[in-house]
Amino acid sequence: MIEMYGLKIADLGIIKENALIISDLHLGYEEAMEQKGILLPRTLFDLQKKRLEMIFSQAGAITTLVINGDFKHEFGGVLSMEWRDTRRFLEFVFSQVKKIVVVKGNHDIMLLPLARKYGISVVSSFLIGDVLVMHGDAVPLPSLLKKAKTIIIGHEHPAITLRDGAKEEKFKCYLAGRYKRKQLIVQPSFFLLDEGSDVNRRMPLSSLIKDYKSFRCYIVGDEVYPFGNVKDIPSH
């Protein structure tokens, strides 16, 4: 595992004390697409469970899982597949940890019924020591910002495309930079049906990021690799 601003990075997860932080699961995505006439194999839950098992095996003693926004995919109501996938996901996670905290994202409008049913904590942001976990679709409260040395956000689904001649391959990535005087980490998504959005090809979604060019990029492959500044990675 590598470290970023003193935090351990285990694949798509960030470790702070006894907490593991992941972001943007989008449970129920396949059923949402099916309602739009797009049929996809229902593989997301199995892929996420397998990936999370691997991360837990690397991370050591973890007592809390923090899901940093977009736990489910659909805006508004909860689809039947989301209920099923949520139940299976939470049953698996509770076999590994004692506590689950969900930081609300922009897709989590109707999350409270799930929270009541399964006994999970739902918050707008979560402070672990001097690390502030927030989804990234809003600016942090000044009172919380004062307490934080490092901010972790999701929301962006960051990825980078690497090219070798005519061949190109996209990878999920972390971004490390600054927001005001704070250290800022942009976490890759735990949505495993897509690598994400190429940060060299679009503008940031979060108001915490002016542009990506000054951020350092860490590519997630079989390990997590430092890859220099985004501005130095060819975009075409």
C-alpha atoms as a PDB file:
ATOM      1  CA  MET A   1       0.000   0.000   0.000  1.00  0.00           C
ATOM      2  CA  ILE A   2       1.141   3.527  -0.710  1.00  0.00           C
ATOM      3  CA  GLU A   3       0.450   6.602   1.411  1.00  0.00           C
ATOM      4  CA  MET A   4      -1.126   9.873   0.340  1.00  0.00           C
ATOM      5  CA  TYR A   5      -1.044  12.784   2.792  1.00  0.00           C
ATOM      6  CA  GLY A   6      -0.311  10.253   5.528  1.00  0.00           C
ATOM      7  CA  LEU A   7      -3.321   8.076   4.636  1.00  0.00           C
ATOM      8  CA  LYS A   8      -2.948   4.482   3.494  1.00  0.00           C
ATOM      9  CA  ILE A   9      -4.367   3.701   0.063  1.00  0.00           C
ATOM     10  CA  ALA A  10      -5.606   0.150  -0.500  1.00  0.00           C
ATOM     11  CA  ASP A  11      -6.779  -0.203  -4.105  1.00  0.00           C
ATOM     12  CA  LEU A  12     -10.021   1.835  -4.331  1.00  0.00           C
ATOM     13  CA  GLY A  13     -10.185   2.375  -0.561  1.00  0.00           C
ATOM     14  CA  ILE A  14      -8.609   4.899   1.800  1.00  0.00           C
ATOM     15  CA  ILE A  15      -7.748   3.882   5.361  1.00  0.00           C
ATOM     16  CA  LYS A  16      -7.904   6.335   8.268  1.00  0.00           C
ATOM     17  CA  GLU A  17      -7.429   4.803  11.709  1.00  0.00           C
ATOM     18  CA  ASN A  18      -9.865   1.838  11.761  1.00  0.00           C
ATOM     19  CA  ALA A  19     -12.117   3.189   9.008  1.00  0.00           C
ATOM     20  CA  LEU A  20     -12.152   2.213   5.335  1.00  0.00           C
ATOM     21  CA  ILE A  21     -13.517   4.843   2.941  1.00  0.00           C
ATOM     22  CA  ILE A  22     -14.954   4.006  -0.487  1.00  0.00           C
ATOM     23  CA  SER A  23     -17.024   6.139  -2.839  1.00  0.00           C
ATOM     24  CA  ASP A  24     -19.801   6.049  -5.442  1.00  0.00           C
ATOM     25  CA  LEU A  25     -21.185   2.484  -5.531  1.00  0.00           C
ATOM     26  CA  HIS A  26     -24.350   3.196  -7.564  1.00  0.00           C
ATOM     27  CA  LEU A  27     -26.158   0.035  -6.467  1.00  0.00           C
ATOM     28  CA  GLY A  28     -29.131  -0.790  -8.688  1.00  0.00           C
ATOM     29  CA  TYR A  29     -27.556   0.646 -11.831  1.00  0.00           C
ATOM     30  CA  GLU A  30     -28.498  -2.324 -14.018  1.00  0.00           C
ATOM     31  CA  GLU A  31     -32.190  -2.126 -13.126  1.00  0.00           C
ATOM     32  CA  ALA A  32     -32.230   1.626 -13.721  1.00  0.00           C
ATOM     33  CA  MET A  33     -30.780   1.020 -17.185  1.00  0.00           C
ATOM     34  CA  GLU A  34     -33.290  -1.774 -17.838  1.00  0.00           C
ATOM     35  CA  GLN A  35     -36.135   0.662 -17.195  1.00  0.00           C
ATOM     36  CA  LYS A  36     -34.649   2.785 -19.983  1.00  0.00           C
ATOM     37  CA  GLY A  37     -34.577  -0.202 -22.344  1.00  0.00           C
ATOM     38  CA  ILE A  38     -30.875  -1.016 -21.915  1.00  0.00           C
ATOM     39  CA  LEU A  39     -30.248  -4.603 -20.821  1.00  0.00           C
ATOM     40  CA  LEU A  40     -27.045  -5.276 -18.873  1.00  0.00           C
ATOM     41  CA  PRO A  41     -25.796  -8.414 -17.107  1.00  0.00           C
ATOM     42  CA  ARG A  42     -26.447  -8.011 -13.385  1.00  0.00           C
ATOM     43  CA  THR A  43     -22.850  -8.306 -12.249  1.00  0.00           C
ATOM     44  CA  LEU A  44     -22.175  -5.120 -10.278  1.00  0.00           C
ATOM     45  CA  PHE A  45     -22.858  -6.490  -6.797  1.00  0.00           C
ATOM     46  CA  ASP A  46     -20.674  -9.571  -7.323  1.00  0.00           C
ATOM     47  CA  LEU A  47     -17.826  -7.445  -8.701  1.00  0.00           C
ATOM     48  CA  GLN A  48     -18.040  -5.031  -5.779  1.00  0.00           C
ATOM     49  CA  LYS A  49     -18.194  -7.796  -3.175  1.00  0.00           C
ATOM     50  CA  LYS A  50     -15.123  -9.518  -4.629  1.00  0.00           C
ATOM     51  CA  ARG A  51     -13.187  -6.236  -4.818  1.00  0.00           C
ATOM     52  CA  LEU A  52     -14.139  -5.297  -1.269  1.00  0.00           C
ATOM     53  CA  GLU A  53     -13.091  -8.715   0.025  1.00  0.00           C
ATOM     54  CA  MET A  54      -9.666  -8.104  -1.489  1.00  0.00           C
ATOM     55  CA  ILE A  55      -9.411  -4.646   0.093  1.00  0.00           C
ATOM     56  CA  PHE A  56     -10.466  -5.921   3.523  1.00  0.00           C
ATOM     57  CA  SER A  57      -7.756  -8.591   3.284  1.00  0.00           C
ATOM     58  CA  GLN A  58      -5.155  -5.857   2.671  1.00  0.00           C
ATOM     59  CA  ALA A  59      -6.469  -3.297   5.131  1.00  0.00           C
ATOM     60  CA  GLY A  60      -6.150  -5.194   8.403  1.00  0.00           C
ATOM     61  CA  ALA A  61      -8.344  -4.327  11.403  1.00  0.00           C
ATOM     62  CA  ILE A  62     -11.245  -2.268  10.036  1.00  0.00           C
ATOM     63  CA  THR A  63     -14.262  -1.554  12.253  1.00  0.00           C
ATOM     64  CA  THR A  64     -16.082   1.086  10.169  1.00  0.00           C
ATOM     65  CA  LEU A  65     -16.919   1.327   6.473  1.00  0.00           C
ATOM     66  CA  VAL A  66     -17.558   4.862   5.210  1.00  0.00           C
ATOM     67  CA  ILE A  67     -19.400   5.068   1.878  1.00  0.00           C
ATOM     68  CA  ASN A  68     -18.707   8.522   0.495  1.00  0.00           C
ATOM     69  CA  GLY A  69     -21.854   9.246  -1.471  1.00  0.00           C
ATOM     70  CA  ASP A  70     -23.980   7.736  -4.231  1.00  0.00           C
ATOM     71  CA  PHE A  71     -24.593   4.482  -2.408  1.00  0.00           C
ATOM     72  CA  LYS A  72     -27.428   3.817  -4.844  1.00  0.00           C
ATOM     73  CA  HIS A  73     -27.866   4.891  -8.448  1.00  0.00           C
ATOM     74  CA  GLU A  74     -31.438   6.106  -8.901  1.00  0.00           C
ATOM     75  CA  PHE A  75     -32.564   9.589  -7.958  1.00  0.00           C
ATOM     76  CA  GLY A  76     -35.761   9.470  -5.901  1.00  0.00           C
ATOM     77  CA  GLY A  77     -37.352   6.105  -5.119  1.00  0.00           C
ATOM     78  CA  VAL A  78     -35.766   2.769  -4.417  1.00  0.00           C
ATOM     79  CA  LEU A  79     -36.022   0.080  -7.094  1.00  0.00           C
ATOM     80  CA  SER A  80     -36.565  -3.584  -6.201  1.00  0.00           C
ATOM     81  CA  MET A  81     -33.082  -4.576  -7.329  1.00  0.00           C
ATOM     82  CA  GLU A  82     -31.607  -1.781  -5.227  1.00  0.00           C
ATOM     83  CA  TRP A  83     -33.338  -3.230  -2.159  1.00  0.00           C
ATOM     84  CA  ARG A  84     -31.983  -6.691  -2.938  1.00  0.00           C
ATOM     85  CA  ASP A  85     -28.471  -5.515  -3.733  1.00  0.00           C
ATOM     86  CA  THR A  86     -28.477  -3.208  -0.714  1.00  0.00           C
ATOM     87  CA  ARG A  87     -29.507  -6.042   1.603  1.00  0.00           C
ATOM     88  CA  ARG A  88     -26.849  -8.382   0.228  1.00  0.00           C
ATOM     89  CA  PHE A  89     -24.193  -5.679   0.305  1.00  0.00           C
ATOM     90  CA  LEU A  90     -24.952  -4.624   3.879  1.00  0.00           C
ATOM     91  CA  GLU A  91     -25.130  -8.217   5.111  1.00  0.00           C
ATOM     92  CA  PHE A  92     -21.687  -8.839   3.634  1.00  0.00           C
ATOM     93  CA  VAL A  93     -20.194  -5.624   5.030  1.00  0.00           C
ATOM     94  CA  PHE A  94     -21.645  -6.193   8.500  1.00  0.00           C
ATOM     95  CA  SER A  95     -19.876  -9.566   8.492  1.00  0.00           C
ATOM     96  CA  GLN A  96     -16.617  -7.594   8.214  1.00  0.00           C
ATOM     97  CA  VAL A  97     -17.179  -4.395  10.248  1.00  0.00           C
ATOM     98  CA  LYS A  98     -19.220  -3.120  13.195  1.00  0.00           C
ATOM     99  CA  LYS A  99     -20.424   0.172  11.732  1.00  0.00           C
ATOM    100  CA  ILE A 100     -21.432   1.586   8.339  1.00  0.00           C
ATOM    101  CA  VAL A 101     -21.589   5.325   7.692  1.00  0.00           C
ATOM    102  CA  VAL A 102     -23.051   6.700   4.457  1.00  0.00           C
ATOM    103  CA  VAL A 103     -22.134  10.248   3.481  1.00  0.00           C
ATOM    104  CA  LYS A 104     -25.028  11.479   1.366  1.00  0.00           C
ATOM    105  CA  GLY A 105     -24.361  12.113  -2.318  1.00  0.00           C
ATOM    106  CA  ASN A 106     -26.466  13.662  -5.046  1.00  0.00           C
ATOM    107  CA  HIS A 107     -28.039  10.254  -5.871  1.00  0.00           C
ATOM    108  CA  ASP A 108     -29.006   9.566  -2.244  1.00  0.00           C
ATOM    109  CA  ILE A 109     -32.208  11.591  -1.929  1.00  0.00           C
ATOM    110  CA  MET A 110     -34.285   8.659  -0.613  1.00  0.00           C
ATOM    111  CA  LEU A 111     -31.637   7.015   1.550  1.00  0.00           C
ATOM    112  CA  LEU A 112     -33.280   7.396   4.974  1.00  0.00           C
ATOM    113  CA  PRO A 113     -35.714   4.443   4.544  1.00  0.00           C
ATOM    114  CA  LEU A 114     -32.707   2.209   3.857  1.00  0.00           C
ATOM    115  CA  ALA A 115     -30.890   3.631   6.863  1.00  0.00           C
ATOM    116  CA  ARG A 116     -33.788   2.919   9.212  1.00  0.00           C
ATOM    117  CA  LYS A 117     -34.277  -0.598   7.881  1.00  0.00           C
ATOM    118  CA  TYR A 118     -30.633  -1.662   8.114  1.00  0.00           C
ATOM    119  CA  GLY A 119     -29.296   0.451  10.979  1.00  0.00           C
ATOM    120  CA  ILE A 120     -26.710   2.492   9.114  1.00  0.00           C
ATOM    121  CA  SER A 121     -25.696   6.072   9.884  1.00  0.00           C
ATOM    122  CA  VAL A 122     -26.463   8.699   7.220  1.00  0.00           C
ATOM    123  CA  VAL A 123     -24.638  12.026   7.440  1.00  0.00           C
ATOM    124  CA  SER A 124     -23.872  15.015   5.208  1.00  0.00           C
ATOM    125  CA  SER A 125     -20.152  14.776   6.043  1.00  0.00           C
ATOM    126  CA  PHE A 126     -17.974  12.745   8.383  1.00  0.00           C
ATOM    127  CA  LEU A 127     -14.919  13.834  10.355  1.00  0.00           C
ATOM    128  CA  ILE A 128     -12.318  11.209  11.298  1.00  0.00           C
ATOM    129  CA  GLY A 129      -9.675  13.002  13.337  1.00  0.00           C
ATOM    130  CA  ASP A 130      -8.377  15.717  11.008  1.00  0.00           C
ATOM    131  CA  VAL A 131      -9.802  14.102   7.851  1.00  0.00           C
ATOM    132  CA  LEU A 132     -13.105  15.406   6.491  1.00  0.00           C
ATOM    133  CA  VAL A 133     -15.040  12.988   4.275  1.00  0.00           C
ATOM    134  CA  MET A 134     -17.656  14.637   2.059  1.00  0.00           C
ATOM    135  CA  HIS A 135     -19.125  13.725  -1.305  1.00  0.00           C
ATOM    136  CA  GLY A 136     -18.008  16.843  -3.155  1.00  0.00           C
ATOM    137  CA  ASP A 137     -21.302  18.132  -4.547  1.00  0.00           C
ATOM    138  CA  ALA A 138     -21.327  20.965  -1.967  1.00  0.00           C
ATOM    139  CA  VAL A 139     -18.745  23.129  -0.229  1.00  0.00           C
ATOM    140  CA  PRO A 140     -17.715  22.212   3.333  1.00  0.00           C
ATOM    141  CA  LEU A 141     -19.099  24.129   6.298  1.00  0.00           C
ATOM    142  CA  PRO A 142     -16.525  26.598   7.691  1.00  0.00           C
ATOM    143  CA  SER A 143     -16.834  25.014  11.151  1.00  0.00           C
ATOM    144  CA  LEU A 144     -15.819  21.617   9.737  1.00  0.00           C
ATOM    145  CA  LEU A 145     -13.164  23.047   7.449  1.00  0.00           C
ATOM    146  CA  LYS A 146     -11.372  24.549  10.457  1.00  0.00           C
ATOM    147  CA  LYS A 147     -11.016  21.095  11.995  1.00  0.00           C
ATOM    148  CA  ALA A 148      -9.732  19.391   8.855  1.00  0.00           C
ATOM    149  CA  LYS A 149      -6.228  19.027   7.527  1.00  0.00           C
ATOM    150  CA  THR A 150      -7.295  16.780   4.646  1.00  0.00           C
ATOM    151  CA  ILE A 151     -10.547  16.575   2.670  1.00  0.00           C
ATOM    152  CA  ILE A 152     -11.622  13.427   0.816  1.00  0.00           C
ATOM    153  CA  ILE A 153     -14.283  13.702  -1.883  1.00  0.00           C
ATOM    154  CA  GLY A 154     -15.865  11.365  -4.424  1.00  0.00           C
ATOM    155  CA  HIS A 155     -18.428  12.548  -6.997  1.00  0.00           C
ATOM    156  CA  GLU A 156     -15.911  13.014  -9.828  1.00  0.00           C
ATOM    157  CA  HIS A 157     -15.374   9.346 -10.861  1.00  0.00           C
ATOM    158  CA  PRO A 158     -11.805  10.290 -11.920  1.00  0.00           C
ATOM    159  CA  ALA A 159      -9.978   8.254 -14.546  1.00  0.00           C
ATOM    160  CA  ILE A 160      -7.051   8.815 -16.892  1.00  0.00           C
ATOM    161  CA  THR A 161      -6.388   7.431 -20.365  1.00  0.00           C
ATOM    162  CA  LEU A 162      -2.865   6.263 -21.209  1.00  0.00           C
ATOM    163  CA  ARG A 163      -1.763   5.849 -24.798  1.00  0.00           C
ATOM    164  CA  ASP A 164       0.930   3.824 -26.529  1.00  0.00           C
ATOM    165  CA  GLY A 165       0.739   4.487 -30.244  1.00  0.00           C
ATOM    166  CA  ALA A 166      -2.710   3.468 -31.456  1.00  0.00           C
ATOM    167  CA  LYS A 167      -3.435   1.594 -28.230  1.00  0.00           C
ATOM    168  CA  GLU A 168      -5.109   3.310 -25.305  1.00  0.00           C
ATOM    169  CA  GLU A 169      -6.380   2.160 -21.932  1.00  0.00           C
ATOM    170  CA  LYS A 170      -8.359   3.975 -19.261  1.00  0.00           C
ATOM    171  CA  PHE A 171      -7.636   3.529 -15.546  1.00  0.00           C
ATOM    172  CA  LYS A 172      -9.381   4.658 -12.401  1.00  0.00           C
ATOM    173  CA  CYS A 173      -7.210   7.139 -10.533  1.00  0.00           C
ATOM    174  CA  TYR A 174      -6.809   9.189  -7.390  1.00  0.00           C
ATOM    175  CA  LEU A 175      -6.137  12.906  -7.605  1.00  0.00           C
ATOM    176  CA  ALA A 176      -4.190  14.752  -4.909  1.00  0.00           C
ATOM    177  CA  GLY A 177      -4.153  18.537  -4.705  1.00  0.00           C
ATOM    178  CA  ARG A 178      -5.403  21.385  -2.567  1.00  0.00           C
ATOM    179  CA  TYR A 179      -8.610  23.203  -1.694  1.00  0.00           C
ATOM    180  CA  LYS A 180      -7.723  26.560  -0.199  1.00  0.00           C
ATOM    181  CA  ARG A 181      -5.076  25.600   2.382  1.00  0.00           C
ATOM    182  CA  LYS A 182      -6.314  22.050   2.847  1.00  0.00           C
ATOM    183  CA  GLN A 183      -5.016  18.846   1.313  1.00  0.00           C
ATOM    184  CA  LEU A 184      -7.615  17.419  -1.069  1.00  0.00           C
ATOM    185  CA  ILE A 185      -7.951  13.824  -2.272  1.00  0.00           C
ATOM    186  CA  VAL A 186     -10.380  12.958  -5.061  1.00  0.00           C
ATOM    187  CA  GLN A 187     -11.246   9.283  -4.723  1.00  0.00           C
ATOM    188  CA  PRO A 188     -12.010   6.963  -7.664  1.00  0.00           C
ATOM    189  CA  SER A 189     -15.451   5.410  -7.750  1.00  0.00           C
ATOM    190  CA  PHE A 190     -16.341   1.924  -6.540  1.00  0.00           C
ATOM    191  CA  PHE A 191     -18.671   1.628  -9.540  1.00  0.00           C
ATOM    192  CA  LEU A 192     -17.036  -1.256 -11.396  1.00  0.00           C
ATOM    193  CA  LEU A 193     -18.920  -1.312 -14.699  1.00  0.00           C
ATOM    194  CA  ASP A 194     -16.967   1.695 -15.962  1.00  0.00           C
ATOM    195  CA  GLU A 195     -13.531   3.146 -15.244  1.00  0.00           C
ATOM    196  CA  GLY A 196     -14.843   6.689 -14.884  1.00  0.00           C
ATOM    197  CA  SER A 197     -14.478  10.044 -16.636  1.00  0.00           C
ATOM    198  CA  ASP A 198     -11.140  11.057 -18.138  1.00  0.00           C
ATOM    199  CA  VAL A 199      -9.907  14.104 -16.220  1.00  0.00           C
ATOM    200  CA  ASN A 200      -7.992  15.220 -19.310  1.00  0.00           C
ATOM    201  CA  ARG A 201     -11.215  15.425 -21.313  1.00  0.00           C
ATOM    202  CA  ARG A 202     -13.703  17.229 -19.089  1.00  0.00           C
ATOM    203  CA  MET A 203     -14.059  19.944 -16.485  1.00  0.00           C
ATOM    204  CA  PRO A 204     -14.500  19.154 -12.778  1.00  0.00           C
ATOM    205  CA  LEU A 205     -17.979  18.654 -11.340  1.00  0.00           C
ATOM    206  CA  SER A 206     -17.127  19.744  -7.793  1.00  0.00           C
ATOM    207  CA  SER A 207     -16.855  23.396  -6.829  1.00  0.00           C
ATOM    208  CA  LEU A 208     -13.861  22.406  -4.686  1.00  0.00           C
ATOM    209  CA  ILE A 209     -11.791  21.931  -7.860  1.00  0.00           C
ATOM    210  CA  LYS A 210     -10.951  24.767 -10.239  1.00  0.00           C
ATOM    211  CA  ASP A 211      -9.269  22.432 -12.726  1.00  0.00           C
ATOM    212  CA  TYR A 212      -7.439  19.129 -12.624  1.00  0.00           C
ATOM    213  CA  LYS A 213      -4.140  20.233 -14.139  1.00  0.00           C
ATOM    214  CA  SER A 214      -2.319  20.990 -10.887  1.00  0.00           C
ATOM    215  CA  PHE A 215      -3.397  17.707  -9.254  1.00  0.00           C
ATOM    216  CA  ARG A 216      -1.110  14.719  -8.919  1.00  0.00           C
ATOM    217  CA  CYS A 217      -2.435  11.510 -10.434  1.00  0.00           C
ATOM    218  CA  TYR A 218      -2.218   8.030  -8.873  1.00  0.00           C
ATOM    219  CA  ILE A 219      -3.303   5.250 -11.210  1.00  0.00           C
ATOM    220  CA  VAL A 220      -5.143   2.207  -9.837  1.00  0.00           C
ATOM    221  CA  GLY A 221      -3.949  -0.976 -11.531  1.00  0.00           C
ATOM    222  CA  ASP A 222      -2.780  -4.161  -9.857  1.00  0.00           C
ATOM    223  CA  GLU A 223      -1.320  -1.661  -7.363  1.00  0.00           C
ATOM    224  CA  VAL A 224      -1.638   2.110  -6.954  1.00  0.00           C
ATOM    225  CA  TYR A 225       1.073   3.952  -8.885  1.00  0.00           C
ATOM    226  CA  PRO A 226       2.132   7.625  -8.653  1.00  0.00           C
ATOM    227  CA  PHE A 227       1.961   9.045 -12.176  1.00  0.00           C
ATOM    228  CA  GLY A 228       2.930  12.703 -11.895  1.00  0.00           C
ATOM    229  CA  ASN A 229       0.817  15.780 -12.509  1.00  0.00           C
ATOM    230  CA  VAL A 230      -2.305  15.616 -14.642  1.00  0.00           C
ATOM    231  CA  LYS A 231      -1.014  18.508 -16.774  1.00  0.00           C
ATOM    232  CA  ASP A 232       1.983  16.387 -17.828  1.00  0.00           C
ATOM    233  CA  ILE A 233      -0.075  13.392 -19.012  1.00  0.00           C
ATOM    234  CA  PRO A 234      -0.825  13.643 -22.772  1.00  0.00           C
ATOM    235  CA  SER A 235      -4.525  14.111 -23.471  1.00  0.00           C
ATOM    236  CA  HIS A 236      -4.410  12.825 -27.088  1.00  0.00           C
END
